[in-house]
Amino acid sequence: MRHEIRMSGFGGQGIILSAVILGRAAAIYDGKHAVQTQVYGPEARGGASMSAVVIDDEPILYPKVRDPDILMIMSEDGYQKYGADADKAAVMVLDETLVHSRPACTCYSIPATMEAKNTFGKVIVANIIMMGALVEATGVVSRESIQKAVLDSVPKGTEELNLNALLKGYLLAQKEGA
């Protein structure tokens, strides 16, 4: 089954890294086909950035996201630019700390930035919290594959911090979905 995932936030939040991790989890560890693309330019630090991942059981013939069924949004500007037009059938995981708008689709409001700051003392893991919430909310990749992909992708010495952030994301999505 084809999934089109769009991720957006502001430059510096790890949006592109999140998409790379998700694609790696799908392609390397879940045995699916995956393609990742990104958009950034002058907005690379502070403005809206966007990255997309297509995951499919079959070879991917068209790598662009046309109509995302899963969205991960980490800033209000990112929501306005890349998420406001989400299809009603889509699932959106958004960082309620920084996104104040709410979509018409199924929405998981996750306080990722607040949790990253208050629980871990490092805002830099907010994207990993969001990744955990996205995986828990959608099942687009397995928990095992995302954990392995995170461990492959984070700097040495931060593995435990990032795995704990991922687990926090799972718990926050479970709480939101309950």
C-alpha atoms as a PDB file:
ATOM      1  CA  MET A   1       0.000   0.000   0.000  1.00  0.00           C
ATOM      2  CA  ARG A   2       1.319   3.434  -0.948  1.00  0.00           C
ATOM      3  CA  HIS A   3       1.699   6.061   1.775  1.00  0.00           C
ATOM      4  CA  GLU A   4       2.567   9.656   1.004  1.00  0.00           C
ATOM      5  CA  ILE A   5       4.028  11.450   4.027  1.00  0.00           C
ATOM      6  CA  ARG A   6       4.708  15.182   4.202  1.00  0.00           C
ATOM      7  CA  MET A   7       6.707  16.684   7.066  1.00  0.00           C
ATOM      8  CA  SER A   8       7.052  20.384   7.702  1.00  0.00           C
ATOM      9  CA  GLY A   9       8.380  22.783  10.283  1.00  0.00           C
ATOM     10  CA  PHE A  10      10.979  25.494  10.359  1.00  0.00           C
ATOM     11  CA  GLY A  11      14.590  25.100   9.355  1.00  0.00           C
ATOM     12  CA  GLY A  12      16.702  23.626  12.131  1.00  0.00           C
ATOM     13  CA  GLN A  13      14.011  21.376  13.639  1.00  0.00           C
ATOM     14  CA  GLY A  14      15.281  18.218  11.970  1.00  0.00           C
ATOM     15  CA  ILE A  15      12.463  17.885   9.451  1.00  0.00           C
ATOM     16  CA  ILE A  16      14.718  16.528   6.720  1.00  0.00           C
ATOM     17  CA  LEU A  17      16.497  14.177   9.129  1.00  0.00           C
ATOM     18  CA  SER A  18      13.088  12.868  10.245  1.00  0.00           C
ATOM     19  CA  ALA A  19      12.147  12.045   6.665  1.00  0.00           C
ATOM     20  CA  VAL A  20      15.493  10.339   6.069  1.00  0.00           C
ATOM     21  CA  ILE A  21      15.030   8.258   9.233  1.00  0.00           C
ATOM     22  CA  LEU A  22      11.486   7.274   8.223  1.00  0.00           C
ATOM     23  CA  GLY A  23      12.596   6.314   4.719  1.00  0.00           C
ATOM     24  CA  ARG A  24      15.496   4.302   6.133  1.00  0.00           C
ATOM     25  CA  ALA A  25      13.163   2.485   8.534  1.00  0.00           C
ATOM     26  CA  ALA A  26      10.838   1.552   5.674  1.00  0.00           C
ATOM     27  CA  ALA A  27      13.448   0.585   3.067  1.00  0.00           C
ATOM     28  CA  ILE A  28      16.197  -1.032   5.095  1.00  0.00           C
ATOM     29  CA  TYR A  29      14.382  -2.550   8.051  1.00  0.00           C
ATOM     30  CA  ASP A  30      10.776  -3.117   6.904  1.00  0.00           C
ATOM     31  CA  GLY A  31      11.725  -4.241   3.386  1.00  0.00           C
ATOM     32  CA  LYS A  32       9.486  -1.704   1.644  1.00  0.00           C
ATOM     33  CA  HIS A  33      10.247   0.720  -1.154  1.00  0.00           C
ATOM     34  CA  ALA A  34      10.833   4.340  -0.102  1.00  0.00           C
ATOM     35  CA  VAL A  35      11.764   7.643  -1.721  1.00  0.00           C
ATOM     36  CA  GLN A  36      12.571  10.826   0.202  1.00  0.00           C
ATOM     37  CA  THR A  37      12.542  14.382  -1.200  1.00  0.00           C
ATOM     38  CA  GLN A  38      13.052  17.760   0.431  1.00  0.00           C
ATOM     39  CA  VAL A  39      12.490  21.458  -0.087  1.00  0.00           C
ATOM     40  CA  TYR A  40      14.662  24.052   1.532  1.00  0.00           C
ATOM     41  CA  GLY A  41      16.457  27.145   0.405  1.00  0.00           C
ATOM     42  CA  PRO A  42      16.730  30.541   2.021  1.00  0.00           C
ATOM     43  CA  GLU A  43      14.317  29.264   4.658  1.00  0.00           C
ATOM     44  CA  ALA A  44      16.799  26.582   5.802  1.00  0.00           C
ATOM     45  CA  ARG A  45      17.163  28.334   9.164  1.00  0.00           C
ATOM     46  CA  GLY A  46      13.931  29.696  10.540  1.00  0.00           C
ATOM     47  CA  GLY A  47      11.500  29.600   7.608  1.00  0.00           C
ATOM     48  CA  ALA A  48       9.173  26.798   6.569  1.00  0.00           C
ATOM     49  CA  SER A  49      10.941  23.667   5.383  1.00  0.00           C
ATOM     50  CA  MET A  50       9.361  20.531   3.981  1.00  0.00           C
ATOM     51  CA  SER A  51      10.410  16.986   3.349  1.00  0.00           C
ATOM     52  CA  ALA A  52       8.392  14.134   1.940  1.00  0.00           C
ATOM     53  CA  VAL A  53       8.574  10.360   1.932  1.00  0.00           C
ATOM     54  CA  VAL A  54       6.736   7.911  -0.276  1.00  0.00           C
ATOM     55  CA  ILE A  55       6.548   4.373   1.124  1.00  0.00           C
ATOM     56  CA  ASP A  56       5.075   1.505  -0.865  1.00  0.00           C
ATOM     57  CA  ASP A  57       5.049  -2.283  -0.971  1.00  0.00           C
ATOM     58  CA  GLU A  58       5.549  -2.050  -4.750  1.00  0.00           C
ATOM     59  CA  PRO A  59       8.289  -0.242  -6.696  1.00  0.00           C
ATOM     60  CA  ILE A  60       7.680   3.506  -6.697  1.00  0.00           C
ATOM     61  CA  LEU A  61       7.120   4.834 -10.186  1.00  0.00           C
ATOM     62  CA  TYR A  62       6.295   8.429  -9.218  1.00  0.00           C
ATOM     63  CA  PRO A  63       8.376   9.753  -6.295  1.00  0.00           C
ATOM     64  CA  LYS A  64       6.515  12.992  -5.550  1.00  0.00           C
ATOM     65  CA  VAL A  65       3.894  13.429  -2.860  1.00  0.00           C
ATOM     66  CA  ARG A  66       0.710  14.694  -4.485  1.00  0.00           C
ATOM     67  CA  ASP A  67      -1.908  13.999  -1.831  1.00  0.00           C
ATOM     68  CA  PRO A  68      -0.345  13.120   1.541  1.00  0.00           C
ATOM     69  CA  ASP A  69      -2.244  10.673   3.697  1.00  0.00           C
ATOM     70  CA  ILE A  70       0.105  11.274   6.657  1.00  0.00           C
ATOM     71  CA  LEU A  71       1.459  14.648   7.771  1.00  0.00           C
ATOM     72  CA  MET A  72       3.886  15.647  10.525  1.00  0.00           C
ATOM     73  CA  ILE A  73       3.781  19.390  11.189  1.00  0.00           C
ATOM     74  CA  MET A  74       6.092  21.162  13.648  1.00  0.00           C
ATOM     75  CA  SER A  75       5.458  24.899  13.074  1.00  0.00           C
ATOM     76  CA  GLU A  76       2.525  27.195  12.362  1.00  0.00           C
ATOM     77  CA  ASP A  77       4.191  28.489   9.199  1.00  0.00           C
ATOM     78  CA  GLY A  78       4.776  24.895   8.086  1.00  0.00           C
ATOM     79  CA  TYR A  79       1.108  24.130   8.740  1.00  0.00           C
ATOM     80  CA  GLN A  80      -0.073  27.123   6.727  1.00  0.00           C
ATOM     81  CA  LYS A  81       2.264  26.376   3.824  1.00  0.00           C
ATOM     82  CA  TYR A  82       2.144  22.563   3.679  1.00  0.00           C
ATOM     83  CA  GLY A  83      -0.647  21.231   5.906  1.00  0.00           C
ATOM     84  CA  ALA A  84      -3.683  23.518   5.841  1.00  0.00           C
ATOM     85  CA  ASP A  85      -5.074  21.811   2.741  1.00  0.00           C
ATOM     86  CA  ALA A  86      -4.807  18.271   4.152  1.00  0.00           C
ATOM     87  CA  ASP A  87      -7.427  15.853   2.898  1.00  0.00           C
ATOM     88  CA  LYS A  88     -10.105  14.976   5.460  1.00  0.00           C
ATOM     89  CA  ALA A  89      -9.047  11.306   5.253  1.00  0.00           C
ATOM     90  CA  ALA A  90      -5.433  12.127   6.183  1.00  0.00           C
ATOM     91  CA  VAL A  91      -3.817  11.695   9.599  1.00  0.00           C
ATOM     92  CA  MET A  92      -1.868  14.668  10.933  1.00  0.00           C
ATOM     93  CA  VAL A  93       0.537  14.607  13.853  1.00  0.00           C
ATOM     94  CA  LEU A  94       1.304  18.157  14.920  1.00  0.00           C
ATOM     95  CA  ASP A  95       3.413  19.798  17.587  1.00  0.00           C
ATOM     96  CA  GLU A  96       0.801  21.555  19.695  1.00  0.00           C
ATOM     97  CA  THR A  97       3.533  23.640  21.324  1.00  0.00           C
ATOM     98  CA  LEU A  98       4.169  25.504  18.050  1.00  0.00           C
ATOM     99  CA  VAL A  99       1.118  24.838  15.833  1.00  0.00           C
ATOM    100  CA  HIS A 100      -2.060  26.615  16.891  1.00  0.00           C
ATOM    101  CA  SER A 101      -4.262  25.788  13.885  1.00  0.00           C
ATOM    102  CA  ARG A 102      -6.197  22.544  13.725  1.00  0.00           C
ATOM    103  CA  PRO A 103      -7.020  20.601  10.560  1.00  0.00           C
ATOM    104  CA  ALA A 104     -10.296  19.015   9.474  1.00  0.00           C
ATOM    105  CA  CYS A 105      -8.582  15.604   9.272  1.00  0.00           C
ATOM    106  CA  THR A 106      -7.750  13.183  12.098  1.00  0.00           C
ATOM    107  CA  CYS A 107      -5.251  15.019  14.282  1.00  0.00           C
ATOM    108  CA  TYR A 108      -2.839  13.970  17.019  1.00  0.00           C
ATOM    109  CA  SER A 109      -1.788  17.065  18.991  1.00  0.00           C
ATOM    110  CA  ILE A 110       1.559  16.233  20.571  1.00  0.00           C
ATOM    111  CA  PRO A 111       3.394  18.674  22.888  1.00  0.00           C
ATOM    112  CA  ALA A 112       6.733  17.599  21.413  1.00  0.00           C
ATOM    113  CA  THR A 113       8.761  20.792  21.842  1.00  0.00           C
ATOM    114  CA  MET A 114       7.493  21.303  25.392  1.00  0.00           C
ATOM    115  CA  GLU A 115       8.256  17.666  26.297  1.00  0.00           C
ATOM    116  CA  ALA A 116      11.684  17.828  24.683  1.00  0.00           C
ATOM    117  CA  LYS A 117      12.518  20.895  26.750  1.00  0.00           C
ATOM    118  CA  ASN A 118      10.902  19.864  30.044  1.00  0.00           C
ATOM    119  CA  THR A 119      11.551  16.105  30.060  1.00  0.00           C
ATOM    120  CA  PHE A 120      14.897  15.899  28.280  1.00  0.00           C
ATOM    121  CA  GLY A 121      16.273  19.430  28.614  1.00  0.00           C
ATOM    122  CA  LYS A 122      17.009  19.402  24.868  1.00  0.00           C
ATOM    123  CA  VAL A 123      14.602  20.900  22.336  1.00  0.00           C
ATOM    124  CA  ILE A 124      16.646  19.194  19.618  1.00  0.00           C
ATOM    125  CA  VAL A 125      14.856  15.856  20.230  1.00  0.00           C
ATOM    126  CA  ALA A 126      11.375  17.260  19.503  1.00  0.00           C
ATOM    127  CA  ASN A 127      11.507  15.788  15.993  1.00  0.00           C
ATOM    128  CA  ILE A 128      12.283  12.337  17.398  1.00  0.00           C
ATOM    129  CA  ILE A 129       9.325  12.628  19.791  1.00  0.00           C
ATOM    130  CA  MET A 130       7.192  13.509  16.758  1.00  0.00           C
ATOM    131  CA  MET A 131       8.559  10.494  14.870  1.00  0.00           C
ATOM    132  CA  GLY A 132       7.520   8.202  17.714  1.00  0.00           C
ATOM    133  CA  ALA A 133       4.052   9.747  17.732  1.00  0.00           C
ATOM    134  CA  LEU A 134       3.769   9.410  13.949  1.00  0.00           C
ATOM    135  CA  VAL A 135       4.710   5.722  14.014  1.00  0.00           C
ATOM    136  CA  GLU A 136       2.359   5.014  16.917  1.00  0.00           C
ATOM    137  CA  ALA A 137      -0.543   6.899  15.308  1.00  0.00           C
ATOM    138  CA  THR A 138      -0.191   5.453  11.814  1.00  0.00           C
ATOM    139  CA  GLY A 139       1.810   2.209  11.923  1.00  0.00           C
ATOM    140  CA  VAL A 140       3.428   3.286   8.638  1.00  0.00           C
ATOM    141  CA  VAL A 141       6.613   1.482   9.749  1.00  0.00           C
ATOM    142  CA  SER A 142       7.222  -0.885  12.634  1.00  0.00           C
ATOM    143  CA  ARG A 143       8.493   0.245  16.002  1.00  0.00           C
ATOM    144  CA  GLU A 144      11.517  -2.000  15.598  1.00  0.00           C
ATOM    145  CA  SER A 145      12.464  -0.491  12.248  1.00  0.00           C
ATOM    146  CA  ILE A 146      12.132   3.127  13.403  1.00  0.00           C
ATOM    147  CA  GLN A 147      14.217   2.373  16.494  1.00  0.00           C
ATOM    148  CA  LYS A 148      16.985   0.842  14.370  1.00  0.00           C
ATOM    149  CA  ALA A 149      16.830   3.742  11.894  1.00  0.00           C
ATOM    150  CA  VAL A 150      17.071   6.295  14.714  1.00  0.00           C
ATOM    151  CA  LEU A 151      20.108   4.495  16.145  1.00  0.00           C
ATOM    152  CA  ASP A 152      21.715   4.506  12.668  1.00  0.00           C
ATOM    153  CA  SER A 153      21.102   8.228  12.231  1.00  0.00           C
ATOM    154  CA  VAL A 154      21.835  10.040  15.486  1.00  0.00           C
ATOM    155  CA  PRO A 155      25.258  11.158  16.700  1.00  0.00           C
ATOM    156  CA  LYS A 156      27.236   8.690  18.782  1.00  0.00           C
ATOM    157  CA  GLY A 157      26.652   9.227  22.472  1.00  0.00           C
ATOM    158  CA  THR A 158      23.035  10.402  21.979  1.00  0.00           C
ATOM    159  CA  GLU A 159      21.473   7.003  21.291  1.00  0.00           C
ATOM    160  CA  GLU A 160      19.806   6.593  24.702  1.00  0.00           C
ATOM    161  CA  LEU A 161      18.465  10.163  24.668  1.00  0.00           C
ATOM    162  CA  ASN A 162      16.960   9.679  21.210  1.00  0.00           C
ATOM    163  CA  LEU A 163      15.445   6.274  21.997  1.00  0.00           C
ATOM    164  CA  ASN A 164      13.854   7.738  25.122  1.00  0.00           C
ATOM    165  CA  ALA A 165      12.471  10.615  23.028  1.00  0.00           C
ATOM    166  CA  LEU A 166      11.048   8.108  20.535  1.00  0.00           C
ATOM    167  CA  LEU A 167       9.399   6.164  23.376  1.00  0.00           C
ATOM    168  CA  LYS A 168       7.948   9.415  24.737  1.00  0.00           C
ATOM    169  CA  GLY A 169       6.390  10.022  21.321  1.00  0.00           C
ATOM    170  CA  TYR A 170       4.751   6.575  21.373  1.00  0.00           C
ATOM    171  CA  LEU A 171       3.265   7.313  24.812  1.00  0.00           C
ATOM    172  CA  LEU A 172       2.014  10.771  23.856  1.00  0.00           C
ATOM    173  CA  ALA A 173       0.265   9.414  20.753  1.00  0.00           C
ATOM    174  CA  GLN A 174      -1.305   6.594  22.799  1.00  0.00           C
ATOM    175  CA  LYS A 175      -2.607   9.158  25.286  1.00  0.00           C
ATOM    176  CA  GLU A 176      -3.897  11.426  22.503  1.00  0.00           C
ATOM    177  CA  GLY A 177      -5.600   8.550  20.709  1.00  0.00           C
ATOM    178  CA  ALA A 178      -7.260   7.172  23.843  1.00  0.00           C
END
